[in-house]
Each structure stands twice: as C-alpha cells, then as structure tokens.
C-alpha cells in the first residue's frame, strides 16, 4: 500500500510572516540531535500531529541550536506537508523553541 501525503494548510501573507503554525506542543523525544533535527511532538490538546515525527533543517530552527533542544521543550512547528500515517511524519519549514 502506498504512502498518502496530505498538505497542512497554512494561512499568512507578507514578507517574513510564516502564518499560523501547524502545531504547538512539547518535544517528547529527540530521535536525532543533528542536522536535520528529528524529534517526536506531543500536542495538548491532542490533534492530528500528536506523536508526529518532525524533521527540520537546523537553519530553520529559532530560539536554540539543535544540540540544545531536549525533551520537555515547548515548540511551535510550521509544516507544509505531513503524511497521513500513524504517527504522522512532517518536514517542518520552521521550528520555534518557546520555553526550555
């Protein structure tokens, strides 16, 4: 069975405006602290990206270096494409670390 891909719609316009994040949550596990940075996102309240595996290039991370991000950090994630698999897998276009 093939992999189905769904787009996550993002609102926004204007220079530098990333629009609304696809999800906000907590890093529940760091799978790869390198570049690209890969982690599992836990959302509250739960939504379609709860327990999603998020991959993001280091240059698209704001607020911390990939090696500094740890379990428990609060983040916002922007993504254009996520799989509909369980768990979802997303290529993030931006990641902002809110609280460490």
C-alpha atoms as a PDB file:
ATOM      1  CA  UNK A   1       0.000   0.000   0.000  1.00  0.00           C
ATOM      2  CA  UNK A   2       1.395   3.386  -0.969  1.00  0.00           C
ATOM      3  CA  UNK A   3       2.061   6.325   1.307  1.00  0.00           C
ATOM      4  CA  UNK A   4      -0.605   9.026   1.249  1.00  0.00           C
ATOM      5  CA  UNK A   5       0.537  12.615   1.676  1.00  0.00           C
ATOM      6  CA  UNK A   6      -1.691  15.449   2.791  1.00  0.00           C
ATOM      7  CA  UNK A   7      -0.874  19.136   2.867  1.00  0.00           C
ATOM      8  CA  UNK A   8      -1.295  21.146   6.029  1.00  0.00           C
ATOM      9  CA  UNK A   9      -2.817  24.458   5.010  1.00  0.00           C
ATOM     10  CA  UNK A  10      -1.049  27.499   6.339  1.00  0.00           C
ATOM     11  CA  UNK A  11      -2.547  30.968   6.497  1.00  0.00           C
ATOM     12  CA  UNK A  12      -0.401  34.011   6.143  1.00  0.00           C
ATOM     13  CA  UNK A  13       0.884  36.650   3.819  1.00  0.00           C
ATOM     14  CA  UNK A  14       3.531  39.289   3.690  1.00  0.00           C
ATOM     15  CA  UNK A  15       7.286  39.117   3.926  1.00  0.00           C
ATOM     16  CA  UNK A  16       8.669  37.038   6.749  1.00  0.00           C
ATOM     17  CA  UNK A  17       5.245  36.043   8.082  1.00  0.00           C
ATOM     18  CA  UNK A  18       5.196  32.263   8.462  1.00  0.00           C
ATOM     19  CA  UNK A  19       1.456  32.228   9.010  1.00  0.00           C
ATOM     20  CA  UNK A  20      -0.192  30.069  11.627  1.00  0.00           C
ATOM     21  CA  UNK A  21       1.835  27.131  12.978  1.00  0.00           C
ATOM     22  CA  UNK A  22       0.695  23.625  12.050  1.00  0.00           C
ATOM     23  CA  UNK A  23       1.062  22.620  15.708  1.00  0.00           C
ATOM     24  CA  UNK A  24       2.297  23.711  19.106  1.00  0.00           C
ATOM     25  CA  UNK A  25       3.471  21.190  21.642  1.00  0.00           C
ATOM     26  CA  UNK A  26       6.250  19.592  23.636  1.00  0.00           C
ATOM     27  CA  UNK A  27       9.292  17.673  22.469  1.00  0.00           C
ATOM     28  CA  UNK A  28       8.623  14.202  23.868  1.00  0.00           C
ATOM     29  CA  UNK A  29      11.701  12.504  22.378  1.00  0.00           C
ATOM     30  CA  UNK A  30      14.735  13.609  20.355  1.00  0.00           C
ATOM     31  CA  UNK A  31      15.447  10.958  17.737  1.00  0.00           C
ATOM     32  CA  UNK A  32      18.418  12.694  16.062  1.00  0.00           C
ATOM     33  CA  UNK A  33      20.007  15.831  17.574  1.00  0.00           C
ATOM     34  CA  UNK A  34      21.953  16.533  14.367  1.00  0.00           C
ATOM     35  CA  UNK A  35      21.116  18.286  11.114  1.00  0.00           C
ATOM     36  CA  UNK A  36      18.427  17.567  10.144  1.00  0.00           C
ATOM     37  CA  UNK A  37      16.987  17.596  13.644  1.00  0.00           C
ATOM     38  CA  UNK A  38      14.380  14.845  14.188  1.00  0.00           C
ATOM     39  CA  UNK A  39      12.032  14.705  17.179  1.00  0.00           C
ATOM     40  CA  UNK A  40       8.622  13.471  18.320  1.00  0.00           C
ATOM     41  CA  UNK A  41       5.990  16.140  19.062  1.00  0.00           C
ATOM     42  CA  UNK A  42       3.371  15.782  21.795  1.00  0.00           C
ATOM     43  CA  UNK A  43       0.421  18.156  21.378  1.00  0.00           C
ATOM     44  CA  UNK A  44      -2.073  19.283  24.005  1.00  0.00           C
ATOM     45  CA  UNK A  45      -4.897  19.182  23.264  1.00  0.00           C
ATOM     46  CA  UNK A  46      -4.221  16.212  21.055  1.00  0.00           C
ATOM     47  CA  UNK A  47      -4.633  16.718  17.336  1.00  0.00           C
ATOM     48  CA  UNK A  48      -3.553  15.007  14.107  1.00  0.00           C
ATOM     49  CA  UNK A  49       0.093  15.846  14.811  1.00  0.00           C
ATOM     50  CA  UNK A  50       0.191  14.330  18.302  1.00  0.00           C
ATOM     51  CA  UNK A  51       3.186  11.948  18.412  1.00  0.00           C
ATOM     52  CA  UNK A  52       4.214  13.101  14.917  1.00  0.00           C
ATOM     53  CA  UNK A  53       7.815  12.605  13.858  1.00  0.00           C
ATOM     54  CA  UNK A  54       9.098  16.039  12.841  1.00  0.00           C
ATOM     55  CA  UNK A  55      12.189  16.631  10.699  1.00  0.00           C
ATOM     56  CA  UNK A  56      13.601  20.156  10.362  1.00  0.00           C
ATOM     57  CA  UNK A  57      16.823  21.596   8.933  1.00  0.00           C
ATOM     58  CA  UNK A  58      18.980  23.322  11.555  1.00  0.00           C
ATOM     59  CA  UNK A  59      18.851  26.624   9.650  1.00  0.00           C
ATOM     60  CA  UNK A  60      15.042  26.682  10.127  1.00  0.00           C
ATOM     61  CA  UNK A  61      15.187  26.498  13.945  1.00  0.00           C
ATOM     62  CA  UNK A  62      14.677  29.674  16.006  1.00  0.00           C
ATOM     63  CA  UNK A  63      15.468  30.010  19.703  1.00  0.00           C
ATOM     64  CA  UNK A  64      18.061  27.237  20.164  1.00  0.00           C
ATOM     65  CA  UNK A  65      20.691  25.156  18.436  1.00  0.00           C
ATOM     66  CA  UNK A  66      19.624  21.573  17.603  1.00  0.00           C
ATOM     67  CA  UNK A  67      22.041  20.169  20.200  1.00  0.00           C
ATOM     68  CA  UNK A  68      20.357  22.309  22.920  1.00  0.00           C
ATOM     69  CA  UNK A  69      16.786  21.109  22.287  1.00  0.00           C
ATOM     70  CA  UNK A  70      15.683  18.447  24.764  1.00  0.00           C
ATOM     71  CA  UNK A  71      12.662  16.513  25.941  1.00  0.00           C
ATOM     72  CA  UNK A  72      10.182  18.854  27.599  1.00  0.00           C
ATOM     73  CA  UNK A  73      10.953  21.913  25.462  1.00  0.00           C
ATOM     74  CA  UNK A  74       7.852  23.741  24.200  1.00  0.00           C
ATOM     75  CA  UNK A  75       7.869  24.406  20.450  1.00  0.00           C
ATOM     76  CA  UNK A  76       5.819  25.746  17.548  1.00  0.00           C
ATOM     77  CA  UNK A  77       6.073  23.872  14.253  1.00  0.00           C
ATOM     78  CA  UNK A  78       5.304  25.115  10.747  1.00  0.00           C
ATOM     79  CA  UNK A  79       4.945  22.437   8.065  1.00  0.00           C
ATOM     80  CA  UNK A  80       3.588  22.291   4.537  1.00  0.00           C
ATOM     81  CA  UNK A  81       3.408  18.533   4.058  1.00  0.00           C
ATOM     82  CA  UNK A  82       2.712  15.719   6.534  1.00  0.00           C
ATOM     83  CA  UNK A  83       1.935  12.081   5.875  1.00  0.00           C
ATOM     84  CA  UNK A  84      -1.377  10.627   6.972  1.00  0.00           C
ATOM     85  CA  UNK A  85       0.422   7.677   8.512  1.00  0.00           C
ATOM     86  CA  UNK A  86       0.226   6.932  12.222  1.00  0.00           C
ATOM     87  CA  UNK A  87       2.270   8.523  13.589  1.00  0.00           C
ATOM     88  CA  UNK A  88       2.322  11.378  11.092  1.00  0.00           C
ATOM     89  CA  UNK A  89       5.678  12.367   9.650  1.00  0.00           C
ATOM     90  CA  UNK A  90       6.296  16.013   8.779  1.00  0.00           C
ATOM     91  CA  UNK A  91       9.013  18.012   7.082  1.00  0.00           C
ATOM     92  CA  UNK A  92       8.935  21.267   9.029  1.00  0.00           C
ATOM     93  CA  UNK A  93       9.548  24.551   7.262  1.00  0.00           C
ATOM     94  CA  UNK A  94      10.223  26.300  10.587  1.00  0.00           C
ATOM     95  CA  UNK A  95      10.549  25.474  14.283  1.00  0.00           C
ATOM     96  CA  UNK A  96      10.466  27.962  17.126  1.00  0.00           C
ATOM     97  CA  UNK A  97      11.574  26.943  20.616  1.00  0.00           C
ATOM     98  CA  UNK A  98       9.284  28.760  23.069  1.00  0.00           C
ATOM     99  CA  UNK A  99      10.258  27.529  26.516  1.00  0.00           C
ATOM    100  CA  UNK A 100      13.175  25.424  27.696  1.00  0.00           C
END
